[in-house]
PDB file of N, CA and C in Angstrom:
ATOM      1  N   UNK A   1      13.899 207.244  97.761  1.00  0.00           N
ATOM      2  CA  UNK A   1      14.935 207.788  98.600  1.00  0.00           C
ATOM      3  C   UNK A   1      16.007 208.419  97.745  1.00  0.00           C
ATOM      4  N   UNK A   2      16.435 209.558  98.199  1.00  0.00           N
ATOM      5  CA  UNK A   2      17.520 210.221  97.481  1.00  0.00           C
ATOM      6  C   UNK A   2      18.872 209.663  97.925  1.00  0.00           C
ATOM      7  N   UNK A   3      19.782 209.568  96.997  1.00  0.00           N
ATOM      8  CA  UNK A   3      21.147 209.144  97.329  1.00  0.00           C
ATOM      9  C   UNK A   3      21.931 210.345  97.834  1.00  0.00           C
ATOM     10  N   UNK A   4      22.756 210.103  98.746  1.00  0.00           N
ATOM     11  CA  UNK A   4      23.603 211.185  99.248  1.00  0.00           C
ATOM     12  C   UNK A   4      24.694 211.464  98.237  1.00  0.00           C
ATOM     13  N   UNK A   5      24.904 212.704  97.947  1.00  0.00           N
ATOM     14  CA  UNK A   5      25.958 213.059  96.995  1.00  0.00           C
ATOM     15  C   UNK A   5      27.301 213.243  97.679  1.00  0.00           C
ATOM     16  N   UNK A   6      27.286 213.685  98.903  1.00  0.00           N
ATOM     17  CA  UNK A   6      28.535 213.915  99.632  1.00  0.00           C
ATOM     18  C   UNK A   6      28.524 213.099 100.917  1.00  0.00           C
ATOM     19  N   UNK A   7      29.612 212.427 101.140  1.00  0.00           N
ATOM     20  CA  UNK A   7      29.724 211.685 102.382  1.00  0.00           C
ATOM     21  C   UNK A   7      30.221 212.608 103.478  1.00  0.00           C
ATOM     22  N   UNK A   8      29.855 212.331 104.669  1.00  0.00           N
ATOM     23  CA  UNK A   8      30.371 213.104 105.792  1.00  0.00           C
ATOM     24  C   UNK A   8      31.017 212.137 106.776  1.00  0.00           C
ATOM     25  N   UNK A   9      32.032 212.625 107.494  1.00  0.00           N
ATOM     26  CA  UNK A   9      32.721 211.785 108.461  1.00  0.00           C
ATOM     27  C   UNK A   9      33.958 211.138 107.865  1.00  0.00           C
ATOM     28  N   UNK A  10      34.620 210.363 108.691  1.00  0.00           N
ATOM     29  CA  UNK A  10      35.849 209.695 108.271  1.00  0.00           C
ATOM     30  C   UNK A  10      35.559 208.252 107.896  1.00  0.00           C
ATOM     31  N   UNK A  11      36.356 207.776 106.978  1.00  0.00           N
ATOM     32  CA  UNK A  11      36.220 206.368 106.604  1.00  0.00           C
ATOM     33  C   UNK A  11      37.024 205.515 107.585  1.00  0.00           C
ATOM     34  N   UNK A  12      36.824 204.257 107.527  1.00  0.00           N
ATOM     35  CA  UNK A  12      37.553 203.334 108.386  1.00  0.00           C
ATOM     36  C   UNK A  12      39.051 203.408 108.090  1.00  0.00           C
ATOM     37  N   UNK A  13      39.423 203.534 106.828  1.00  0.00           N
ATOM     38  CA  UNK A  13      40.831 203.643 106.448  1.00  0.00           C
ATOM     39  C   UNK A  13      41.453 204.919 107.010  1.00  0.00           C
ATOM     40  N   UNK A  14      40.743 206.024 106.992  1.00  0.00           N
ATOM     41  CA  UNK A  14      41.235 207.276 107.555  1.00  0.00           C
ATOM     42  C   UNK A  14      41.455 207.179 109.057  1.00  0.00           C
ATOM     43  N   UNK A  15      40.501 206.565 109.746  1.00  0.00           N
ATOM     44  CA  UNK A  15      40.649 206.393 111.196  1.00  0.00           C
ATOM     45  C   UNK A  15      41.816 205.473 111.526  1.00  0.00           C
ATOM     46  N   UNK A  16      42.022 204.438 110.718  1.00  0.00           N
ATOM     47  CA  UNK A  16      43.139 203.525 110.930  1.00  0.00           C
ATOM     48  C   UNK A  16      44.470 204.241 110.732  1.00  0.00           C
ATOM     49  N   UNK A  17      44.558 205.083 109.706  1.00  0.00           N
ATOM     50  CA  UNK A  17      45.791 205.836 109.455  1.00  0.00           C
ATOM     51  C   UNK A  17      46.104 206.767 110.623  1.00  0.00           C
ATOM     52  N   UNK A  18      45.117 207.441 111.138  1.00  0.00           N
ATOM     53  CA  UNK A  18      45.329 208.339 112.279  1.00  0.00           C
ATOM     54  C   UNK A  18      45.715 207.538 113.518  1.00  0.00           C
ATOM     55  N   UNK A  19      45.099 206.392 113.736  1.00  0.00           N
ATOM     56  CA  UNK A  19      45.435 205.549 114.887  1.00  0.00           C
ATOM     57  C   UNK A  19      46.879 205.065 114.813  1.00  0.00           C
ATOM     58  N   UNK A  20      47.349 204.720 113.609  1.00  0.00           N
ATOM     59  CA  UNK A  20      48.733 204.272 113.437  1.00  0.00           C
ATOM     60  C   UNK A  20      49.694 205.417 113.757  1.00  0.00           C
ATOM     61  N   UNK A  21      49.400 206.619 113.262  1.00  0.00           N
ATOM     62  CA  UNK A  21      50.276 207.767 113.538  1.00  0.00           C
ATOM     63  C   UNK A  21      50.305 208.107 115.026  1.00  0.00           C
ATOM     64  N   UNK A  22      49.153 208.148 115.654  1.00  0.00           N
ATOM     65  CA  UNK A  22      49.098 208.442 117.090  1.00  0.00           C
ATOM     66  C   UNK A  22      49.830 207.359 117.880  1.00  0.00           C
ATOM     67  N   UNK A  23      49.651 206.110 117.509  1.00  0.00           N
ATOM     68  CA  UNK A  23      50.346 205.010 118.168  1.00  0.00           C
ATOM     69  C   UNK A  23      51.859 205.124 118.046  1.00  0.00           C
ATOM     70  N   UNK A  24      52.335 205.507 116.857  1.00  0.00           N
ATOM     71  CA  UNK A  24      53.776 205.668 116.659  1.00  0.00           C
ATOM     72  C   UNK A  24      54.335 206.750 117.570  1.00  0.00           C
ATOM     73  N   UNK A  25      53.656 207.896 117.661  1.00  0.00           N
ATOM     74  CA  UNK A  25      54.151 208.984 118.499  1.00  0.00           C
ATOM     75  C   UNK A  25      54.066 208.641 119.985  1.00  0.00           C
ATOM     76  N   UNK A  26      53.053 207.906 120.385  1.00  0.00           N
ATOM     77  CA  UNK A  26      52.964 207.464 121.773  1.00  0.00           C
ATOM     78  C   UNK A  26      54.096 206.497 122.084  1.00  0.00           C
ATOM     79  N   UNK A  27      54.384 205.570 121.158  1.00  0.00           N
ATOM     80  CA  UNK A  27      55.476 204.631 121.352  1.00  0.00           C
ATOM     81  C   UNK A  27      56.808 205.371 121.462  1.00  0.00           C
ATOM     82  N   UNK A  28      57.032 206.363 120.615  1.00  0.00           N
ATOM     83  CA  UNK A  28      58.271 207.157 120.682  1.00  0.00           C
ATOM     84  C   UNK A  28      58.379 207.863 122.028  1.00  0.00           C
ATOM     85  N   UNK A  29      57.285 208.435 122.474  1.00  0.00           N
ATOM     86  CA  UNK A  29      57.291 209.119 123.768  1.00  0.00           C
ATOM     87  C   UNK A  29      57.604 208.178 124.914  1.00  0.00           C
ATOM     88  N   UNK A  30      57.033 206.984 124.864  1.00  0.00           N
ATOM     89  CA  UNK A  30      57.283 206.007 125.918  1.00  0.00           C
ATOM     90  C   UNK A  30      58.733 205.517 125.915  1.00  0.00           C
ATOM     91  N   UNK A  31      59.329 205.454 124.753  1.00  0.00           N
ATOM     92  CA  UNK A  31      60.721 205.004 124.680  1.00  0.00           C
ATOM     93  C   UNK A  31      61.715 206.103 125.043  1.00  0.00           C
ATOM     94  N   UNK A  32      61.374 207.360 124.756  1.00  0.00           N
ATOM     95  CA  UNK A  32      62.289 208.475 125.015  1.00  0.00           C
ATOM     96  C   UNK A  32      62.172 209.015 126.436  1.00  0.00           C
ATOM     97  N   UNK A  33      61.040 208.851 127.062  1.00  0.00           N
ATOM     98  CA  UNK A  33      60.811 209.420 128.392  1.00  0.00           C
ATOM     99  C   UNK A  33      61.831 208.960 129.438  1.00  0.00           C
ATOM    100  N   UNK A  34      62.177 207.669 129.554  1.00  0.00           N
ATOM    101  CA  UNK A  34      63.155 207.276 130.571  1.00  0.00           C
ATOM    102  C   UNK A  34      64.513 207.963 130.398  1.00  0.00           C
ATOM    103  N   UNK A  35      64.967 208.127 129.165  1.00  0.00           N
ATOM    104  CA  UNK A  35      66.250 208.806 128.939  1.00  0.00           C
ATOM    105  C   UNK A  35      66.172 210.270 129.328  1.00  0.00           C
ATOM    106  N   UNK A  36      65.028 210.884 129.083  1.00  0.00           N
ATOM    107  CA  UNK A  36      64.873 212.291 129.452  1.00  0.00           C
ATOM    108  C   UNK A  36      64.835 212.442 130.975  1.00  0.00           C
ATOM    109  N   UNK A  37      64.134 211.562 131.662  1.00  0.00           N
ATOM    110  CA  UNK A  37      64.108 211.625 133.120  1.00  0.00           C
ATOM    111  C   UNK A  37      65.482 211.338 133.714  1.00  0.00           C
ATOM    112  N   UNK A  38      66.237 210.455 133.082  1.00  0.00           N
ATOM    113  CA  UNK A  38      67.598 210.185 133.530  1.00  0.00           C
ATOM    114  C   UNK A  38      68.484 211.418 133.346  1.00  0.00           C
ATOM    115  N   UNK A  39      68.293 212.133 132.240  1.00  0.00           N
ATOM    116  CA  UNK A  39      69.017 213.389 132.015  1.00  0.00           C
ATOM    117  C   UNK A  39      68.703 214.391 133.122  1.00  0.00           C
ATOM    118  N   UNK A  40      67.438 214.504 133.518  1.00  0.00           N
ATOM    119  CA  UNK A  40      67.076 215.430 134.592  1.00  0.00           C
ATOM    120  C   UNK A  40      67.777 215.055 135.894  1.00  0.00           C
ATOM    121  N   UNK A  41      67.918 213.766 136.149  1.00  0.00           N
ATOM    122  CA  UNK A  41      68.627 213.307 137.342  1.00  0.00           C
ATOM    123  C   UNK A  41      70.105 213.654 137.252  1.00  0.00           C
ATOM    124  N   UNK A  42      70.728 213.431 136.089  1.00  0.00           N
ATOM    125  CA  UNK A  42      72.147 213.773 135.907  1.00  0.00           C
ATOM    126  C   UNK A  42      72.349 215.270 136.108  1.00  0.00           C
ATOM    127  N   UNK A  43      71.458 216.074 135.549  1.00  0.00           N
ATOM    128  CA  UNK A  43      71.573 217.528 135.695  1.00  0.00           C
ATOM    129  C   UNK A  43      71.483 217.937 137.162  1.00  0.00           C
ATOM    130  N   UNK A  44      70.552 217.332 137.899  1.00  0.00           N
ATOM    131  CA  UNK A  44      70.419 217.640 139.322  1.00  0.00           C
ATOM    132  C   UNK A  44      71.664 217.233 140.114  1.00  0.00           C
ATOM    133  N   UNK A  45      72.220 216.082 139.793  1.00  0.00           N
ATOM    134  CA  UNK A  45      73.410 215.598 140.500  1.00  0.00           C
ATOM    135  C   UNK A  45      74.598 216.520 140.245  1.00  0.00           C
ATOM    136  N   UNK A  46      74.849 216.831 138.981  1.00  0.00           N
ATOM    137  CA  UNK A  46      75.999 217.673 138.645  1.00  0.00           C
ATOM    138  C   UNK A  46      75.820 219.076 139.230  1.00  0.00           C
ATOM    139  N   UNK A  47      74.609 219.604 139.182  1.00  0.00           N
ATOM    140  CA  UNK A  47      74.344 220.918 139.772  1.00  0.00           C
ATOM    141  C   UNK A  47      74.582 220.890 141.273  1.00  0.00           C
ATOM    142  N   UNK A  48      74.121 219.852 141.917  1.00  0.00           N
ATOM    143  CA  UNK A  48      74.283 219.724 143.372  1.00  0.00           C
ATOM    144  C   UNK A  48      75.756 219.652 143.755  1.00  0.00           C
ATOM    145  N   UNK A  49      76.518 218.839 143.041  1.00  0.00           N
ATOM    146  CA  UNK A  49      77.947 218.691 143.346  1.00  0.00           C
ATOM    147  C   UNK A  49      78.697 219.995 143.062  1.00  0.00           C
ATOM    148  N   UNK A  50      78.344 220.666 141.975  1.00  0.00           N
ATOM    149  CA  UNK A  50      79.056 221.893 141.595  1.00  0.00           C
ATOM    150  C   UNK A  50      78.735 223.071 142.504  1.00  0.00           C
ATOM    151  N   UNK A  51      77.545 223.090 143.099  1.00  0.00           N
ATOM    152  CA  UNK A  51      77.139 224.249 143.890  1.00  0.00           C
ATOM    153  C   UNK A  51      77.153 224.009 145.393  1.00  0.00           C
ATOM    154  N   UNK A  52      77.531 222.825 145.834  1.00  0.00           N
ATOM    155  CA  UNK A  52      77.508 222.582 147.277  1.00  0.00           C
ATOM    156  C   UNK A  52      78.591 223.393 147.973  1.00  0.00           C
ATOM    157  N   UNK A  53      78.387 223.618 149.233  1.00  0.00           N
ATOM    158  CA  UNK A  53      79.295 224.447 150.030  1.00  0.00           C
ATOM    159  C   UNK A  53      80.706 223.840 150.051  1.00  0.00           C
ATOM    160  N   UNK A  54      81.693 224.628 149.735  1.00  0.00           N
ATOM    161  CA  UNK A  54      83.083 224.189 149.760  1.00  0.00           C
ATOM    162  C   UNK A  54      83.520 223.407 148.539  1.00  0.00           C
ATOM    163  N   UNK A  55      82.706 223.350 147.504  1.00  0.00           N
ATOM    164  CA  UNK A  55      83.046 222.556 146.324  1.00  0.00           C
ATOM    165  C   UNK A  55      84.258 223.126 145.593  1.00  0.00           C
ATOM    166  N   UNK A  56      84.436 224.452 145.632  1.00  0.00           N
ATOM    167  CA  UNK A  56      85.563 225.049 144.910  1.00  0.00           C
ATOM    168  C   UNK A  56      86.912 224.674 145.521  1.00  0.00           C
ATOM    169  N   UNK A  57      86.926 224.182 146.773  1.00  0.00           N
ATOM    170  CA  UNK A  57      88.162 223.768 147.432  1.00  0.00           C
ATOM    171  C   UNK A  57      88.470 222.293 147.235  1.00  0.00           C
ATOM    172  N   UNK A  58      87.561 221.559 146.616  1.00  0.00           N
ATOM    173  CA  UNK A  58      87.758 220.120 146.420  1.00  0.00           C
ATOM    174  C   UNK A  58      88.608 219.853 145.187  1.00  0.00           C
ATOM    175  N   UNK A  59      89.304 218.716 145.213  1.00  0.00           N
ATOM    176  CA  UNK A  59      90.094 218.305 144.055  1.00  0.00           C
ATOM    177  C   UNK A  59      89.183 217.653 143.026  1.00  0.00           C
ATOM    178  N   UNK A  60      89.720 217.466 141.827  1.00  0.00           N
ATOM    179  CA  UNK A  60      88.956 216.814 140.759  1.00  0.00           C
ATOM    180  C   UNK A  60      88.573 215.393 141.168  1.00  0.00           C
ATOM    181  N   UNK A  61      89.451 214.721 141.870  1.00  0.00           N
ATOM    182  CA  UNK A  61      89.162 213.348 142.316  1.00  0.00           C
ATOM    183  C   UNK A  61      87.994 213.318 143.307  1.00  0.00           C
ATOM    184  N   UNK A  62      87.949 214.284 144.223  1.00  0.00           N
ATOM    185  CA  UNK A  62      86.855 214.336 145.195  1.00  0.00           C
ATOM    186  C   UNK A  62      85.523 214.664 144.507  1.00  0.00           C
ATOM    187  N   UNK A  63      85.567 215.577 143.539  1.00  0.00           N
ATOM    188  CA  UNK A  63      84.355 215.914 142.794  1.00  0.00           C
ATOM    189  C   UNK A  63      83.850 214.709 142.007  1.00  0.00           C
ATOM    190  N   UNK A  64      84.791 214.009 141.344  1.00  0.00           N
ATOM    191  CA  UNK A  64      84.408 212.824 140.568  1.00  0.00           C
ATOM    192  C   UNK A  64      83.817 211.747 141.473  1.00  0.00           C
ATOM    193  N   UNK A  65      84.396 211.580 142.648  1.00  0.00           N
ATOM    194  CA  UNK A  65      83.890 210.575 143.593  1.00  0.00           C
ATOM    195  C   UNK A  65      82.477 210.928 144.055  1.00  0.00           C
ATOM    196  N   UNK A  66      82.223 212.220 144.305  1.00  0.00           N
ATOM    197  CA  UNK A  66      80.880 212.651 144.718  1.00  0.00           C
ATOM    198  C   UNK A  66      79.870 212.411 143.599  1.00  0.00           C
ATOM    199  N   UNK A  67      80.259 212.718 142.365  1.00  0.00           N
ATOM    200  CA  UNK A  67      79.372 212.479 141.219  1.00  0.00           C
ATOM    201  C   UNK A  67      79.117 210.988 141.047  1.00  0.00           C
ATOM    202  N   UNK A  68      80.182 210.191 141.136  1.00  0.00           N
ATOM    203  CA  UNK A  68      80.047 208.744 140.973  1.00  0.00           C
ATOM    204  C   UNK A  68      79.126 208.146 142.036  1.00  0.00           C
ATOM    205  N   UNK A  69      79.269 208.592 143.269  1.00  0.00           N
ATOM    206  CA  UNK A  69      78.417 208.093 144.358  1.00  0.00           C
ATOM    207  C   UNK A  69      76.957 208.434 144.098  1.00  0.00           C
ATOM    208  N   UNK A  70      76.696 209.680 143.685  1.00  0.00           N
ATOM    209  CA  UNK A  70      75.312 210.090 143.423  1.00  0.00           C
ATOM    210  C   UNK A  70      74.718 209.375 142.213  1.00  0.00           C
ATOM    211  N   UNK A  71      75.507 209.177 141.158  1.00  0.00           N
ATOM    212  CA  UNK A  71      75.010 208.440 139.992  1.00  0.00           C
ATOM    213  C   UNK A  71      74.666 207.010 140.372  1.00  0.00           C
ATOM    214  N   UNK A  72      75.521 206.405 141.190  1.00  0.00           N
ATOM    215  CA  UNK A  72      75.295 205.039 141.646  1.00  0.00           C
ATOM    216  C   UNK A  72      74.058 204.951 142.525  1.00  0.00           C
ATOM    217  N   UNK A  73      73.897 205.891 143.441  1.00  0.00           N
ATOM    218  CA  UNK A  73      72.758 205.899 144.347  1.00  0.00           C
ATOM    219  C   UNK A  73      71.448 206.043 143.586  1.00  0.00           C
ATOM    220  N   UNK A  74      71.441 206.886 142.547  1.00  0.00           N
ATOM    221  CA  UNK A  74      70.229 207.137 141.769  1.00  0.00           C
ATOM    222  C   UNK A  74      70.058 206.178 140.595  1.00  0.00           C
ATOM    223  N   UNK A  75      70.922 205.184 140.486  1.00  0.00           N
ATOM    224  CA  UNK A  75      70.864 204.162 139.442  1.00  0.00           C
ATOM    225  C   UNK A  75      70.801 204.769 138.042  1.00  0.00           C
ATOM    226  N   UNK A  76      71.758 205.646 137.746  1.00  0.00           N
ATOM    227  CA  UNK A  76      71.859 206.271 136.429  1.00  0.00           C
ATOM    228  C   UNK A  76      72.853 205.459 135.617  1.00  0.00           C
ATOM    229  N   UNK A  77      72.396 204.946 134.484  1.00  0.00           N
ATOM    230  CA  UNK A  77      73.244 204.106 133.648  1.00  0.00           C
ATOM    231  C   UNK A  77      73.483 204.697 132.262  1.00  0.00           C
ATOM    232  N   UNK A  78      72.912 205.855 131.971  1.00  0.00           N
ATOM    233  CA  UNK A  78      73.055 206.479 130.655  1.00  0.00           C
ATOM    234  C   UNK A  78      74.404 207.132 130.432  1.00  0.00           C
ATOM    235  N   UNK A  79      75.112 207.437 131.508  1.00  0.00           N
ATOM    236  CA  UNK A  79      76.425 208.058 131.423  1.00  0.00           C
ATOM    237  C   UNK A  79      77.312 207.445 132.497  1.00  0.00           C
ATOM    238  N   UNK A  80      78.519 207.136 132.115  1.00  0.00           N
ATOM    239  CA  UNK A  80      79.491 206.586 133.056  1.00  0.00           C
ATOM    240  C   UNK A  80      80.222 207.737 133.747  1.00  0.00           C
ATOM    241  N   UNK A  81      80.597 207.574 135.015  1.00  0.00           N
ATOM    242  CA  UNK A  81      81.314 208.646 135.710  1.00  0.00           C
ATOM    243  C   UNK A  81      82.622 209.034 135.024  1.00  0.00           C
ATOM    244  N   UNK A  82      83.280 208.091 134.361  1.00  0.00           N
ATOM    245  CA  UNK A  82      84.540 208.405 133.684  1.00  0.00           C
ATOM    246  C   UNK A  82      84.329 209.240 132.416  1.00  0.00           C
ATOM    247  N   UNK A  83      83.098 209.309 131.919  1.00  0.00           N
ATOM    248  CA  UNK A  83      82.793 210.133 130.744  1.00  0.00           C
ATOM    249  C   UNK A  83      82.617 211.603 131.107  1.00  0.00           C
ATOM    250  N   UNK A  84      82.475 211.897 132.384  1.00  0.00           N
ATOM    251  CA  UNK A  84      82.300 213.276 132.839  1.00  0.00           C
ATOM    252  C   UNK A  84      83.669 213.912 132.991  1.00  0.00           C
ATOM    253  N   UNK A  85      83.852 215.049 132.324  1.00  0.00           N
ATOM    254  CA  UNK A  85      85.142 215.738 132.369  1.00  0.00           C
ATOM    255  C   UNK A  85      85.142 216.752 133.503  1.00  0.00           C
ATOM    256  N   UNK A  86      86.209 216.737 134.288  1.00  0.00           N
ATOM    257  CA  UNK A  86      86.427 217.738 135.322  1.00  0.00           C
ATOM    258  C   UNK A  86      87.790 218.344 135.025  1.00  0.00           C
ATOM    259  N   UNK A  87      87.793 219.642 134.758  1.00  0.00           N
ATOM    260  CA  UNK A  87      89.049 220.281 134.364  1.00  0.00           C
ATOM    261  C   UNK A  87      89.142 221.684 134.948  1.00  0.00           C
ATOM    262  N   UNK A  88      90.387 222.188 134.994  1.00  0.00           N
ATOM    263  CA  UNK A  88      90.652 223.540 135.464  1.00  0.00           C
ATOM    264  C   UNK A  88      91.004 224.423 134.270  1.00  0.00           C
ATOM    265  N   UNK A  89      90.486 225.651 134.328  1.00  0.00           N
ATOM    266  CA  UNK A  89      90.782 226.618 133.271  1.00  0.00           C
ATOM    267  C   UNK A  89      90.771 228.005 133.908  1.00  0.00           C
ATOM    268  N   UNK A  90      91.871 228.708 133.791  1.00  0.00           N
ATOM    269  CA  UNK A  90      92.013 230.053 134.335  1.00  0.00           C
ATOM    270  C   UNK A  90      91.692 230.105 135.822  1.00  0.00           C
ATOM    271  N   UNK A  91      92.153 229.119 136.570  1.00  0.00           N
ATOM    272  CA  UNK A  91      91.969 229.095 138.014  1.00  0.00           C
ATOM    273  C   UNK A  91      90.594 228.647 138.482  1.00  0.00           C
ATOM    274  N   UNK A  92      89.720 228.274 137.574  1.00  0.00           N
ATOM    275  CA  UNK A  92      88.380 227.821 137.929  1.00  0.00           C
ATOM    276  C   UNK A  92      88.225 226.358 137.539  1.00  0.00           C
ATOM    277  N   UNK A  93      87.402 225.643 138.283  1.00  0.00           N
ATOM    278  CA  UNK A  93      87.143 224.238 137.998  1.00  0.00           C
ATOM    279  C   UNK A  93      85.782 224.111 137.312  1.00  0.00           C
ATOM    280  N   UNK A  94      85.753 223.295 136.270  1.00  0.00           N
ATOM    281  CA  UNK A  94      84.530 223.085 135.504  1.00  0.00           C
ATOM    282  C   UNK A  94      84.190 221.601 135.476  1.00  0.00           C
ATOM    283  N   UNK A  95      82.895 221.318 135.440  1.00  0.00           N
ATOM    284  CA  UNK A  95      82.389 219.951 135.269  1.00  0.00           C
ATOM    285  C   UNK A  95      81.599 219.936 133.971  1.00  0.00           C
ATOM    286  N   UNK A  96      82.021 219.073 133.043  1.00  0.00           N
ATOM    287  CA  UNK A  96      81.355 218.953 131.747  1.00  0.00           C
ATOM    288  C   UNK A  96      80.787 217.541 131.632  1.00  0.00           C
ATOM    289  N   UNK A  97      79.461 217.429 131.753  1.00  0.00           N
ATOM    290  CA  UNK A  97      78.803 216.122 131.728  1.00  0.00           C
ATOM    291  C   UNK A  97      77.929 215.958 130.489  1.00  0.00           C
ATOM    292  N   UNK A  98      78.233 216.665 129.403  1.00  0.00           N
ATOM    293  CA  UNK A  98      77.435 216.552 128.177  1.00  0.00           C
ATOM    294  C   UNK A  98      77.541 215.139 127.615  1.00  0.00           C
ATOM    295  N   UNK A  99      76.413 214.625 127.117  1.00  0.00           N
ATOM    296  CA  UNK A  99      76.412 213.276 126.540  1.00  0.00           C
ATOM    297  C   UNK A  99      75.251 213.110 125.571  1.00  0.00           C
ATOM    298  N   UNK A 100      75.274 211.993 124.864  1.00  0.00           N
ATOM    299  CA  UNK A 100      74.210 211.632 123.931  1.00  0.00           C
ATOM    300  C   UNK A 100      73.634 210.279 124.331  1.00  0.00           C
ATOM    301  N   UNK A 101      72.360 210.118 124.078  1.00  0.00           N
ATOM    302  CA  UNK A 101      71.699 208.835 124.319  1.00  0.00           C
ATOM    303  C   UNK A 101      71.085 208.363 123.009  1.00  0.00           C
ATOM    304  N   UNK A 102      71.371 207.128 122.628  1.00  0.00           N
ATOM    305  CA  UNK A 102      70.802 206.531 121.414  1.00  0.00           C
ATOM    306  C   UNK A 102      69.780 205.488 121.848  1.00  0.00           C
ATOM    307  N   UNK A 103      68.544 205.707 121.410  1.00  0.00           N
ATOM    308  CA  UNK A 103      67.443 204.850 121.826  1.00  0.00           C
ATOM    309  C   UNK A 103      66.845 204.166 120.602  1.00  0.00           C
ATOM    310  N   UNK A 104      66.812 202.813 120.581  1.00  0.00           N
ATOM    311  CA  UNK A 104      66.159 202.130 119.463  1.00  0.00           C
ATOM    312  C   UNK A 104      64.651 202.365 119.531  1.00  0.00           C
ATOM    313  N   UNK A 105      64.075 202.807 118.420  1.00  0.00           N
ATOM    314  CA  UNK A 105      62.650 203.117 118.385  1.00  0.00           C
ATOM    315  C   UNK A 105      61.877 201.969 117.752  1.00  0.00           C
ATOM    316  N   UNK A 106      62.275 201.597 116.528  1.00  0.00           N
ATOM    317  CA  UNK A 106      61.540 200.565 115.813  1.00  0.00           C
ATOM    318  C   UNK A 106      62.457 199.989 114.750  1.00  0.00           C
ATOM    319  N   UNK A 107      62.758 198.717 114.843  1.00  0.00           N
ATOM    320  CA  UNK A 107      63.618 198.079 113.843  1.00  0.00           C
ATOM    321  C   UNK A 107      64.980 198.747 113.783  1.00  0.00           C
ATOM    322  N   UNK A 108      65.298 199.295 112.629  1.00  0.00           N
ATOM    323  CA  UNK A 108      66.582 199.963 112.446  1.00  0.00           C
ATOM    324  C   UNK A 108      66.509 201.467 112.672  1.00  0.00           C
ATOM    325  N   UNK A 109      65.413 201.928 113.187  1.00  0.00           N
ATOM    326  CA  UNK A 109      65.229 203.354 113.435  1.00  0.00           C
ATOM    327  C   UNK A 109      65.613 203.657 114.877  1.00  0.00           C
ATOM    328  N   UNK A 110      66.567 204.566 115.048  1.00  0.00           N
ATOM    329  CA  UNK A 110      67.018 205.001 116.365  1.00  0.00           C
ATOM    330  C   UNK A 110      66.736 206.482 116.536  1.00  0.00           C
ATOM    331  N   UNK A 111      66.577 206.881 117.781  1.00  0.00           N
ATOM    332  CA  UNK A 111      66.469 208.299 118.116  1.00  0.00           C
ATOM    333  C   UNK A 111      67.712 208.667 118.907  1.00  0.00           C
ATOM    334  N   UNK A 112      68.270 209.825 118.617  1.00  0.00           N
ATOM    335  CA  UNK A 112      69.441 210.300 119.338  1.00  0.00           C
ATOM    336  C   UNK A 112      69.049 211.545 120.102  1.00  0.00           C
ATOM    337  N   UNK A 113      69.275 211.496 121.401  1.00  0.00           N
ATOM    338  CA  UNK A 113      68.990 212.644 122.251  1.00  0.00           C
ATOM    339  C   UNK A 113      70.329 213.218 122.699  1.00  0.00           C
ATOM    340  N   UNK A 114      70.549 214.493 122.438  1.00  0.00           N
ATOM    341  CA  UNK A 114      71.794 215.160 122.811  1.00  0.00           C
ATOM    342  C   UNK A 114      71.527 216.077 123.998  1.00  0.00           C
ATOM    343  N   UNK A 115      72.236 215.839 125.064  1.00  0.00           N
ATOM    344  CA  UNK A 115      72.112 216.660 126.268  1.00  0.00           C
ATOM    345  C   UNK A 115      73.405 217.465 126.403  1.00  0.00           C
ATOM    346  N   UNK A 116      73.368 218.692 125.910  1.00  0.00           N
ATOM    347  CA  UNK A 116      74.598 219.493 125.847  1.00  0.00           C
ATOM    348  C   UNK A 116      74.552 220.754 126.704  1.00  0.00           C
ATOM    349  N   UNK A 117      73.743 220.757 127.734  1.00  0.00           N
ATOM    350  CA  UNK A 117      73.699 221.915 128.625  1.00  0.00           C
ATOM    351  C   UNK A 117      74.150 221.552 130.033  1.00  0.00           C
ATOM    352  N   UNK A 118      75.061 220.596 130.133  1.00  0.00           N
ATOM    353  CA  UNK A 118      75.509 220.104 131.429  1.00  0.00           C
ATOM    354  C   UNK A 118      76.946 220.521 131.746  1.00  0.00           C
ATOM    355  N   UNK A 119      77.299 221.775 131.468  1.00  0.00           N
ATOM    356  CA  UNK A 119      78.628 222.278 131.802  1.00  0.00           C
ATOM    357  C   UNK A 119      78.463 223.327 132.898  1.00  0.00           C
ATOM    358  N   UNK A 120      79.104 223.077 134.046  1.00  0.00           N
ATOM    359  CA  UNK A 120      78.942 223.940 135.201  1.00  0.00           C
ATOM    360  C   UNK A 120      80.291 224.376 135.755  1.00  0.00           C
ATOM    361  N   UNK A 121      80.321 225.588 136.260  1.00  0.00           N
ATOM    362  CA  UNK A 121      81.505 226.081 136.966  1.00  0.00           C
ATOM    363  C   UNK A 121      81.312 225.739 138.437  1.00  0.00           C
ATOM    364  N   UNK A 122      82.326 225.116 139.026  1.00  0.00           N
ATOM    365  CA  UNK A 122      82.233 224.691 140.420  1.00  0.00           C
ATOM    366  C   UNK A 122      82.270 225.915 141.326  1.00  0.00           C
ATOM    367  N   UNK A 123      81.365 225.942 142.300  1.00  0.00           N
ATOM    368  CA  UNK A 123      81.304 227.034 143.255  1.00  0.00           C
ATOM    369  C   UNK A 123      80.436 228.190 142.835  1.00  0.00           C
ATOM    370  N   UNK A 124      79.935 228.167 141.632  1.00  0.00           N
ATOM    371  CA  UNK A 124      79.075 229.234 141.140  1.00  0.00           C
ATOM    372  C   UNK A 124      77.613 228.760 141.187  1.00  0.00           C
ATOM    373  N   UNK A 125      76.697 229.629 141.623  1.00  0.00           N
ATOM    374  CA  UNK A 125      75.287 229.200 141.680  1.00  0.00           C
ATOM    375  C   UNK A 125      74.774 228.813 140.294  1.00  0.00           C
ATOM    376  N   UNK A 126      73.895 227.818 140.271  1.00  0.00           N
ATOM    377  CA  UNK A 126      73.311 227.348 139.004  1.00  0.00           C
ATOM    378  C   UNK A 126      72.377 228.407 138.445  1.00  0.00           C
ATOM    379  N   UNK A 127      72.324 228.515 137.108  1.00  0.00           N
ATOM    380  CA  UNK A 127      71.422 229.508 136.498  1.00  0.00           C
ATOM    381  C   UNK A 127      69.961 229.150 136.647  1.00  0.00           C
TER     382      UNK A 127
END
């Protein structure tokens, strides 16, 4: 019998290394997904409050109360209602709900997700 000079296929160590890498990325995805879905909910809430009929006539307190009620109803805990800024500039009202989420991934390794596209002008249709 002739000996094979070249091996073909992956070794057990190679398959184990790939399994560890795939497992790590799956674990990261599973840990980051809830924060991302929560961000989508926050974006929908802020968009809804900013674009609803008559929103431009509401005070900052009424807007904050509407946001707080919706966050509470949808069980959003990643951002507190008091962290959302509602301010007036040049006669227009703006809602700024930008925030960061820090998620522990493994041991001392954390992932930081920055959601910085949550600034809306009240009364203007969402883009």
